[in-house]
Amino acid sequence: MSDDPTHLVHDGTEKQAEYNNIITTMTCAPNITQVADGACKYAKNVISIDLPEGITIIGQASFYGCISLKEIK
């Protein structure tokens, strides 16, 4: 993992537990159609999440515990 506080989510099943303390921005790849249950759960430092237009399902508790989250685009 790099020091870049942006994390590219490559598929809707990727869990973020190991990144919770450093990631501030998340960007989903354009071909993503679903955000898995709990995908970003407890990512407490995430401020912004960029989702593609093709998202059809956002799973249960996907952003639960994201206490710094200000924007989903």
C-alpha atoms as a PDB file:
ATOM      1  CA  MET A   1       0.000   0.000   0.000  1.00  0.00           C
ATOM      2  CA  SER A   2       1.313   3.436  -0.872  1.00  0.00           C
ATOM      3  CA  ASP A   3       1.260   6.615   1.197  1.00  0.00           C
ATOM      4  CA  ASP A   4      -1.455   8.004  -1.117  1.00  0.00           C
ATOM      5  CA  PRO A   5      -4.612   8.519   0.979  1.00  0.00           C
ATOM      6  CA  THR A   6      -6.805   7.671  -2.039  1.00  0.00           C
ATOM      7  CA  HIS A   7      -7.826   4.070  -2.551  1.00  0.00           C
ATOM      8  CA  LEU A   8      -9.201   2.721  -5.821  1.00  0.00           C
ATOM      9  CA  VAL A   9     -11.803   0.051  -5.150  1.00  0.00           C
ATOM     10  CA  HIS A  10     -11.421  -2.485  -7.954  1.00  0.00           C
ATOM     11  CA  ASP A  11     -14.475  -4.597  -7.248  1.00  0.00           C
ATOM     12  CA  GLY A  12     -17.536  -4.369  -5.052  1.00  0.00           C
ATOM     13  CA  THR A  13     -16.379  -7.131  -2.726  1.00  0.00           C
ATOM     14  CA  GLU A  14     -13.140  -5.571  -1.497  1.00  0.00           C
ATOM     15  CA  LYS A  15     -13.105  -4.952   2.270  1.00  0.00           C
ATOM     16  CA  GLN A  16     -11.420  -1.843   3.638  1.00  0.00           C
ATOM     17  CA  ALA A  17     -10.550  -2.947   7.195  1.00  0.00           C
ATOM     18  CA  GLU A  18      -6.778  -2.660   6.742  1.00  0.00           C
ATOM     19  CA  TYR A  19      -7.100   0.861   5.320  1.00  0.00           C
ATOM     20  CA  ASN A  20      -9.532   2.363   7.841  1.00  0.00           C
ATOM     21  CA  ASN A  21      -6.979   4.566   9.566  1.00  0.00           C
ATOM     22  CA  ILE A  22      -5.403   6.244   6.519  1.00  0.00           C
ATOM     23  CA  ILE A  23      -7.786   6.365   3.534  1.00  0.00           C
ATOM     24  CA  THR A  24      -9.517   9.727   3.065  1.00  0.00           C
ATOM     25  CA  THR A  25     -10.943   9.339  -0.468  1.00  0.00           C
ATOM     26  CA  MET A  26     -12.304   6.256  -2.237  1.00  0.00           C
ATOM     27  CA  THR A  27     -12.961   5.955  -5.970  1.00  0.00           C
ATOM     28  CA  CYS A  28     -14.770   3.016  -7.538  1.00  0.00           C
ATOM     29  CA  ALA A  29     -13.733   1.830 -10.982  1.00  0.00           C
ATOM     30  CA  PRO A  30     -16.200   2.821 -13.740  1.00  0.00           C
ATOM     31  CA  ASN A  31     -17.352  -0.765 -14.360  1.00  0.00           C
ATOM     32  CA  ILE A  32     -18.485  -1.332 -10.746  1.00  0.00           C
ATOM     33  CA  THR A  33     -22.233  -1.933 -10.407  1.00  0.00           C
ATOM     34  CA  GLN A  34     -22.485  -2.959  -6.744  1.00  0.00           C
ATOM     35  CA  VAL A  35     -21.052  -1.928  -3.390  1.00  0.00           C
ATOM     36  CA  ALA A  36     -20.825  -4.984  -1.136  1.00  0.00           C
ATOM     37  CA  ASP A  37     -22.330  -5.223   2.332  1.00  0.00           C
ATOM     38  CA  GLY A  38     -19.953  -3.480   4.733  1.00  0.00           C
ATOM     39  CA  ALA A  39     -17.514  -2.592   1.934  1.00  0.00           C
ATOM     40  CA  CYS A  40     -16.381   0.635   3.605  1.00  0.00           C
ATOM     41  CA  LYS A  41     -17.552  -0.173   7.121  1.00  0.00           C
ATOM     42  CA  TYR A  42     -15.645   1.728   9.824  1.00  0.00           C
ATOM     43  CA  ALA A  43     -13.451   3.591   7.342  1.00  0.00           C
ATOM     44  CA  LYS A  44     -13.473   6.399   9.877  1.00  0.00           C
ATOM     45  CA  ASN A  45     -11.236   8.829   7.968  1.00  0.00           C
ATOM     46  CA  VAL A  46     -12.983   8.626   4.590  1.00  0.00           C
ATOM     47  CA  ILE A  47     -14.275  12.082   3.662  1.00  0.00           C
ATOM     48  CA  SER A  48     -15.342  11.476   0.062  1.00  0.00           C
ATOM     49  CA  ILE A  49     -16.496   8.470  -1.988  1.00  0.00           C
ATOM     50  CA  ASP A  50     -16.771   8.632  -5.773  1.00  0.00           C
ATOM     51  CA  LEU A  51     -19.223   6.084  -7.212  1.00  0.00           C
ATOM     52  CA  PRO A  52     -19.770   5.531 -10.950  1.00  0.00           C
ATOM     53  CA  GLU A  53     -23.166   6.204 -12.546  1.00  0.00           C
ATOM     54  CA  GLY A  54     -23.746   2.474 -13.120  1.00  0.00           C
ATOM     55  CA  ILE A  55     -24.149   1.587  -9.433  1.00  0.00           C
ATOM     56  CA  THR A  56     -27.360  -0.419  -9.031  1.00  0.00           C
ATOM     57  CA  ILE A  57     -26.947  -1.873  -5.528  1.00  0.00           C
ATOM     58  CA  ILE A  58     -25.454  -0.426  -2.355  1.00  0.00           C
ATOM     59  CA  GLY A  59     -25.198  -3.196   0.210  1.00  0.00           C
ATOM     60  CA  GLN A  60     -26.274  -3.136   3.811  1.00  0.00           C
ATOM     61  CA  ALA A  61     -24.020  -1.116   6.141  1.00  0.00           C
ATOM     62  CA  SER A  62     -21.681  -0.241   3.257  1.00  0.00           C
ATOM     63  CA  PHE A  63     -20.766   3.086   4.857  1.00  0.00           C
ATOM     64  CA  TYR A  64     -21.577   2.306   8.493  1.00  0.00           C
ATOM     65  CA  GLY A  65     -19.124   3.923  10.881  1.00  0.00           C
ATOM     66  CA  CYS A  66     -17.740   6.321   8.268  1.00  0.00           C
ATOM     67  CA  ILE A  67     -17.918   9.174  10.758  1.00  0.00           C
ATOM     68  CA  SER A  68     -15.941  11.651   8.622  1.00  0.00           C
ATOM     69  CA  LEU A  69     -17.894  11.023   5.402  1.00  0.00           C
ATOM     70  CA  LYS A  70     -19.086  14.328   3.946  1.00  0.00           C
ATOM     71  CA  GLU A  71     -19.700  13.526   0.272  1.00  0.00           C
ATOM     72  CA  ILE A  72     -20.760  10.672  -1.984  1.00  0.00           C
ATOM     73  CA  LYS A  73     -20.540  11.652  -5.651  1.00  0.00           C
END
